[in-house]
Amino acid sequence: MNVILLSMAIAILLSLGLVISLGGLSLLSGTMEFFFGGPKVEFLKSTLGDTGFAFGFKWNDEKEPAKFDQIKLRLFNPFGDPTQVEVTQHFAPQGKTFSMDLDFGAGLRTLLKARGFKSALIQVEISSTKSGIFHQFDMRGHGFIKKLEAATLTANDFNDQFKEGKSKPIYFQTKRTFIADPVPSSNKKLKIATNPEFAGDFAGAGGGAAASVENFAVSKVWIEPGCIVCDACEGIYPEVFEVLEDTCIIRPDAPLHDGLKIEESAEACPVEVIKYTKA
């Protein structure tokens, strides 16, 4: 009987020890994540004068897949003047480590020159307006100024050092040819103008089929959702198409007189998202 009770006591102690150990590991993991793996904002050197604010933002985008697109700077200054200031700037959504150099206008100058600024609370909030996710970083005014004065990297420097390059997928496209293969039953070939073998037979028609194809102008060209950034269109007509990190856009003031090139770009698109209207 005593042996059974002793065994049960040992089992209970071992179970408690296991629970305490797991709890300790979980707490340690959370602590490590808080201090070393959490979101971080880094102050950078702005190139926009006394109304510019530059920063870099790093976070675990695998655990928190959000696109951040807004930053707010808040001043809480109950014993100074003004007592509260908030300035906001929006930017293009960013889904990976990024940096920005933004002009906040006169509002930032008012915030920095507030009486009692050094002892006031400064809050930097970076948020994803679409996902409703935000991260706040609080500090005193003297710490804020110290970080600004110590900044040596510009936004471009930060991107060069920390931003991950996005590898674009490789898509293999079938090469098209207008030279017909021999007909199996007769081993004869179709006599078409685009086959160099029969170029002489079409010489009297103005030098072949290419000469008979008339170009046309386009009144509108656009990209529908679903671009896979394969670069095919930009490779064909870079004056019109510009492939960005996540999609493709039509360049401002793009020339629309060469409809054949736009048509070729649309036909080369693997997902057929390039659309256009003839003039």
Protein backbone atom coordinates (compact mmCIF):
# COMPACT_ATOMS: atom_id res chain seq x y z
CA MET A 1 0.00 0.00 0.00
CA ASN A 2 2.80 2.38 0.92
CA VAL A 3 4.57 1.52 -2.34
CA ILE A 4 1.45 2.42 -4.36
CA LEU A 5 1.02 5.72 -2.54
CA LEU A 6 4.71 6.51 -3.02
CA SER A 7 4.45 5.75 -6.74
CA MET A 8 1.38 7.96 -7.08
CA ALA A 9 3.13 10.77 -5.24
CA ILE A 10 6.17 10.51 -7.52
CA ALA A 11 3.92 10.48 -10.60
CA ILE A 12 2.08 13.59 -9.40
CA LEU A 13 5.34 15.40 -8.69
CA LEU A 14 6.70 14.47 -12.13
CA SER A 15 3.49 15.70 -13.79
CA LEU A 16 3.66 18.98 -11.90
CA GLY A 17 7.29 19.34 -12.85
CA LEU A 18 6.44 18.75 -16.52
CA VAL A 19 3.63 21.32 -16.44
CA ILE A 20 5.87 23.88 -14.73
CA SER A 21 8.67 23.22 -17.23
CA LEU A 22 6.35 23.63 -20.22
CA GLY A 23 4.92 26.80 -18.73
CA GLY A 24 8.39 28.16 -18.15
CA LEU A 25 9.46 27.36 -21.71
CA SER A 26 6.31 29.01 -23.08
CA LEU A 27 6.94 32.10 -20.96
CA LEU A 28 10.58 32.20 -22.02
CA SER A 29 9.60 31.81 -25.67
CA GLY A 30 7.10 34.65 -25.35
CA THR A 31 9.68 36.83 -23.64
CA MET A 32 12.25 36.13 -26.37
CA GLU A 33 9.64 36.91 -29.02
CA PHE A 34 8.71 40.17 -27.27
CA PHE A 35 12.27 41.46 -26.95
CA PHE A 36 13.93 40.01 -30.04
CA GLY A 37 11.25 38.88 -32.52
CA GLY A 38 8.60 41.56 -32.28
CA PRO A 39 7.99 44.40 -34.73
CA LYS A 40 10.69 47.06 -34.74
CA VAL A 41 10.76 50.61 -36.04
CA GLU A 42 14.06 52.26 -36.88
CA PHE A 43 14.48 56.01 -37.29
CA LEU A 44 16.27 57.01 -40.49
CA LYS A 45 17.79 60.16 -41.91
CA SER A 46 15.23 62.11 -43.92
CA THR A 47 16.14 63.89 -47.14
CA LEU A 48 13.01 66.11 -47.00
CA GLY A 49 14.14 68.82 -44.61
CA ASP A 50 12.48 69.75 -41.32
CA THR A 51 9.07 68.44 -42.38
CA GLY A 52 10.35 65.02 -43.40
CA PHE A 53 10.33 61.86 -41.30
CA ALA A 54 12.03 58.65 -42.45
CA PHE A 55 11.70 55.24 -40.83
CA GLY A 56 12.21 51.55 -41.43
CA PHE A 57 9.83 48.85 -40.21
CA LYS A 58 10.58 45.17 -39.65
CA TRP A 59 8.16 42.46 -38.48
CA ASN A 60 7.48 38.74 -38.86
CA ASP A 61 5.39 38.81 -42.03
CA GLU A 62 4.89 35.02 -41.93
CA LYS A 63 3.12 35.17 -38.55
CA GLU A 64 1.42 38.45 -39.39
CA PRO A 65 0.75 38.64 -43.14
CA ALA A 66 -0.47 42.22 -43.36
CA LYS A 67 0.18 45.13 -45.72
CA PHE A 68 1.04 48.26 -43.75
CA ASP A 69 0.07 51.55 -45.37
CA GLN A 70 -0.19 54.27 -42.71
CA ILE A 71 1.92 55.96 -40.04
CA LYS A 72 0.82 58.35 -37.29
CA LEU A 73 2.98 60.50 -35.03
CA ARG A 74 1.21 61.61 -31.84
CA LEU A 75 2.29 64.09 -29.19
CA PHE A 76 0.78 63.84 -25.68
CA ASN A 77 1.96 66.94 -23.86
CA PRO A 78 -0.32 67.68 -20.84
CA PHE A 79 2.13 70.15 -19.24
CA GLY A 80 3.18 71.97 -22.43
CA ASP A 81 1.75 73.78 -25.40
CA PRO A 82 0.16 72.48 -27.57
CA THR A 83 -1.08 69.63 -25.38
CA GLN A 84 -1.75 67.23 -28.25
CA VAL A 85 -0.71 66.96 -31.91
CA GLU A 86 -1.30 64.17 -34.40
CA VAL A 87 0.09 63.95 -37.94
CA THR A 88 -0.70 61.14 -40.38
CA GLN A 89 0.68 59.97 -43.69
CA HIS A 90 -0.44 57.19 -46.02
CA PHE A 91 1.82 55.27 -48.37
CA ALA A 92 1.64 52.37 -50.80
CA PRO A 93 0.88 49.06 -48.99
CA GLN A 94 4.00 47.17 -47.94
CA GLY A 95 3.94 43.44 -47.13
CA LYS A 96 7.61 42.95 -46.29
CA THR A 97 10.34 44.81 -44.40
CA PHE A 98 10.33 48.34 -45.80
CA SER A 99 11.37 51.95 -45.29
CA MET A 100 9.73 55.28 -46.10
CA ASP A 101 10.77 58.93 -46.25
CA LEU A 102 7.59 61.00 -45.95
CA ASP A 103 6.80 64.71 -45.89
CA PHE A 104 4.42 65.44 -42.99
CA GLY A 105 4.22 69.13 -43.76
CA ALA A 106 3.89 71.89 -41.17
CA GLY A 107 2.21 69.50 -38.70
CA LEU A 108 5.51 67.77 -37.97
CA ARG A 109 7.22 71.11 -37.38
CA THR A 110 4.49 72.04 -34.88
CA LEU A 111 4.93 68.71 -33.10
CA LEU A 112 8.71 68.98 -32.81
CA LYS A 113 8.67 72.60 -31.64
CA ALA A 114 6.00 72.14 -28.95
CA ARG A 115 6.85 73.69 -25.60
CA GLY A 116 7.70 70.91 -23.16
CA PHE A 117 8.41 68.48 -26.02
CA LYS A 118 11.34 66.71 -24.35
CA SER A 119 9.25 65.48 -21.43
CA ALA A 120 6.14 64.77 -23.52
CA LEU A 121 5.08 61.29 -24.69
CA ILE A 122 5.64 60.56 -28.38
CA GLN A 123 3.82 57.68 -30.02
CA VAL A 124 4.70 56.23 -33.42
CA GLU A 125 1.88 54.07 -34.82
CA ILE A 126 2.30 51.98 -37.99
CA SER A 127 -0.90 50.35 -39.20
CA SER A 128 -2.59 48.31 -41.88
CA THR A 129 -5.86 50.12 -42.56
CA LYS A 130 -7.28 47.16 -44.50
CA SER A 131 -6.53 44.52 -41.86
CA GLY A 132 -7.06 46.71 -38.80
CA ILE A 133 -3.62 45.78 -37.45
CA PHE A 134 -1.41 48.41 -35.83
CA HIS A 135 1.81 48.56 -33.84
CA GLN A 136 2.63 51.39 -31.46
CA PHE A 137 6.01 52.51 -30.19
CA ASP A 138 6.05 54.92 -27.23
CA MET A 139 8.95 57.07 -26.04
CA ARG A 140 9.67 60.39 -24.42
CA GLY A 141 10.39 63.44 -26.51
CA HIS A 142 14.08 63.52 -25.59
CA GLY A 143 14.42 59.89 -26.72
CA PHE A 144 12.63 60.68 -29.98
CA ILE A 145 15.03 63.55 -30.71
CA LYS A 146 18.01 61.41 -29.76
CA LYS A 147 16.97 58.71 -32.24
CA LEU A 148 16.47 61.29 -34.99
CA GLU A 149 19.88 62.86 -34.40
CA ALA A 150 21.61 59.47 -34.28
CA ALA A 151 20.13 58.29 -37.59
CA THR A 152 22.73 57.73 -40.30
CA LEU A 153 20.93 55.51 -42.81
CA THR A 154 18.54 56.93 -45.39
CA ALA A 155 15.46 55.06 -46.55
CA ASN A 156 17.36 53.86 -49.62
CA ASP A 157 20.24 52.64 -47.45
CA PHE A 158 17.80 50.71 -45.26
CA ASN A 159 16.18 49.05 -48.27
CA ASP A 160 19.56 48.05 -49.66
CA GLN A 161 20.52 46.40 -46.37
CA PHE A 162 17.32 44.84 -45.09
CA LYS A 163 14.57 44.60 -47.68
CA GLU A 164 14.13 41.12 -49.06
CA GLY A 165 14.27 40.84 -52.80
CA LYS A 166 11.18 39.21 -54.25
CA SER A 167 12.03 36.36 -56.57
CA LYS A 168 9.71 36.31 -59.51
CA PRO A 169 8.38 32.96 -60.73
CA ILE A 170 9.63 31.65 -64.04
CA TYR A 171 7.01 30.90 -66.65
CA PHE A 172 7.87 29.06 -69.82
CA GLN A 173 5.93 30.19 -72.85
CA THR A 174 5.51 28.20 -75.99
CA LYS A 175 7.22 29.81 -78.93
CA ARG A 176 4.80 30.39 -81.75
CA THR A 177 5.66 29.81 -85.37
CA PHE A 178 3.72 30.48 -88.53
CA ILE A 179 5.64 27.94 -90.61
CA ALA A 180 3.31 24.98 -91.17
CA ASP A 181 4.59 21.44 -90.64
CA PRO A 182 4.34 18.98 -93.52
CA VAL A 183 0.96 17.31 -93.94
CA PRO A 184 1.51 13.65 -92.80
CA SER A 185 -0.53 12.01 -95.56
CA SER A 186 1.18 13.75 -98.48
CA ASN A 187 4.41 15.17 -96.99
CA LYS A 188 3.51 18.46 -98.67
CA LYS A 189 3.71 21.85 -97.01
CA LEU A 190 1.12 24.58 -96.94
CA LYS A 191 2.06 27.47 -99.17
CA ILE A 192 1.70 30.47 -96.87
CA ALA A 193 3.38 33.85 -97.04
CA THR A 194 5.07 33.58 -93.65
CA ASN A 195 7.00 30.45 -94.68
CA PRO A 196 10.38 31.59 -96.05
CA GLU A 197 10.42 28.55 -98.34
CA PHE A 198 7.67 30.14 -100.43
CA ALA A 199 8.77 33.78 -100.11
CA GLY A 200 9.35 34.05 -103.85
CA ASP A 201 5.81 33.00 -104.66
CA PHE A 202 4.45 35.96 -102.70
CA ALA A 203 7.02 38.52 -103.81
CA GLY A 204 4.59 40.14 -106.21
CA ALA A 205 2.14 40.82 -103.41
CA GLY A 206 4.36 43.44 -101.83
CA GLY A 207 7.05 41.43 -100.09
CA GLY A 208 5.05 38.92 -98.03
CA ALA A 209 2.37 38.83 -95.38
CA ALA A 210 4.13 41.23 -93.03
CA ALA A 211 3.61 44.06 -95.48
CA SER A 212 -0.14 43.35 -95.65
CA VAL A 213 -0.65 43.67 -91.88
CA GLU A 214 -1.71 47.22 -91.07
CA ASN A 215 -0.95 48.76 -87.72
CA PHE A 216 -3.66 50.42 -85.67
CA ALA A 217 -3.98 52.84 -82.78
CA VAL A 218 -5.38 51.99 -79.35
CA SER A 219 -7.69 54.31 -77.41
CA LYS A 220 -7.34 52.53 -74.07
CA VAL A 221 -5.23 49.75 -72.51
CA TRP A 222 -5.53 48.40 -68.98
CA ILE A 223 -4.53 45.53 -66.65
CA GLU A 224 -7.22 43.42 -65.01
CA PRO A 225 -6.66 41.71 -61.60
CA GLY A 226 -4.56 38.55 -61.63
CA CYS A 227 -1.17 39.75 -62.97
CA ILE A 228 1.61 37.27 -62.09
CA VAL A 229 4.46 39.76 -62.78
CA CYS A 230 6.09 37.55 -65.39
CA ASP A 231 7.65 40.55 -67.24
CA ALA A 232 6.46 39.33 -70.67
CA CYS A 233 4.59 42.52 -71.56
CA GLU A 234 7.36 44.86 -70.38
CA GLY A 235 9.88 42.86 -72.39
CA ILE A 236 7.84 43.40 -75.54
CA TYR A 237 6.70 47.01 -75.04
CA PRO A 238 8.47 48.70 -72.06
CA GLU A 239 7.27 52.13 -73.18
CA VAL A 240 3.70 51.12 -72.24
CA PHE A 241 3.98 48.40 -69.55
CA GLU A 242 5.84 48.64 -66.24
CA VAL A 243 6.05 45.53 -64.03
CA LEU A 244 6.13 46.35 -60.31
CA GLU A 245 6.69 44.07 -57.32
CA ASP A 246 3.08 42.87 -57.10
CA THR A 247 1.43 43.82 -60.38
CA CYS A 248 1.84 45.60 -63.71
CA ILE A 249 0.76 49.14 -64.55
CA ILE A 250 0.37 51.23 -67.67
CA ARG A 251 3.00 53.95 -67.73
CA PRO A 252 1.77 57.57 -67.63
CA ASP A 253 1.57 59.10 -71.11
CA ALA A 254 2.15 55.66 -72.66
CA PRO A 255 2.22 55.76 -76.50
CA LEU A 256 -0.88 54.07 -77.91
CA HIS A 257 -0.19 54.38 -81.62
CA ASP A 258 1.47 50.96 -82.05
CA GLY A 259 -1.49 48.63 -81.62
CA LEU A 260 0.37 45.63 -83.03
CA LYS A 261 2.89 45.74 -80.18
CA ILE A 262 0.14 46.10 -77.59
CA GLU A 263 -1.70 43.20 -79.20
CA GLU A 264 1.46 41.09 -79.12
CA SER A 265 1.94 41.93 -75.41
CA ALA A 266 -1.65 40.92 -74.66
CA GLU A 267 -1.26 37.62 -76.51
CA ALA A 268 2.02 36.89 -74.68
CA CYS A 269 0.40 37.36 -71.25
CA PRO A 270 0.06 33.87 -69.67
CA VAL A 271 -2.99 34.88 -67.59
CA GLU A 272 -4.61 37.12 -70.23
CA VAL A 273 -5.11 40.18 -68.02
CA ILE A 274 -4.00 42.77 -70.59
CA LYS A 275 -7.01 44.35 -72.28
CA TYR A 276 -7.25 47.10 -74.85
CA THR A 277 -9.72 48.94 -77.05
CA LYS A 278 -8.90 49.86 -80.62
CA ALA A 279 -9.24 53.52 -81.52
